[in-house]
Amino acid sequence: MRRLTNQLQALITNSERLAVDPHATLIPIEPLQNEVGQLSKSFTEMSSSLIHQHDELEKEREKTARILHTMRDAIVFVETDTNKRFANEPLFELYEQPFPFGDRQSLYPIDAFYEPFMDQIDDQDGLNRFTHRAKNCGIFDETLRIRCKGEDVSYGCTPNRLNCRTNVSA
C-alpha cells in the first residue's frame, strides 16, 4: 500500500512540475503491474509527447521571430481576445517615432504608443472599420489604402489573428 501511495504522490509531483516547465526533471517511477502502473506509463508517454510538442512550437516561434526581426515591412499584431497590440521595429520607423526598447525581439507591446501612431493617419475611422471587419467578420481579402504623413500606406490582414501589415508604397 505504501508503494502505491508513493507512486501516486510521484505522479502528482511530476504533473505539477510538468505544468510549470515541460523540461522539468521528473521523479522516476517504477511502474507496478496494476492500474497505477498503467497510469504511470501513460503519464510518461504524455510527458514525452508534451516535450516534443513544446520543442516544435518553440522552433516555430523562433523561426517566426527571425522572420519578423529581419522584415522591413511594419507589422502590427493584435491579439483578438485581449485587443493588445504588438509591432515590430519598422513600425516605429514608418511613423518616425523613437524606438523605446533596448532589447532585441520580434514584436513589442505598443498600446502606450498607439495613439501617437493613429494621430498620423488621415483616415482613422476607415482603419478602425477595416480592422473591425477583419477581426469580427473574418474578411481578410481586402486591403485599405490610407495616407500617413503624406505617404500612401496599404493595410492588409491575415486570418486566425489580426496581423495588420503596413507596406509603404513607392
Foldseek 3Di string as FASTA:
>chain_A
DVLLVVLVVQLVVQVVQCVVPLPDDGDDRDADPDPSSVVNVVSVVVSVVVNVVVVVVVVVQVVVFVVLLPDLWKKWFAALVVRWIKIAPNLCVVQVHDDDDDDDTRIDTCPVPVVSSLVQWPCSVVVVVVQCCCSPVVDFPDKDWTDGPRFIWIWGADPDTGMTIIDTDD
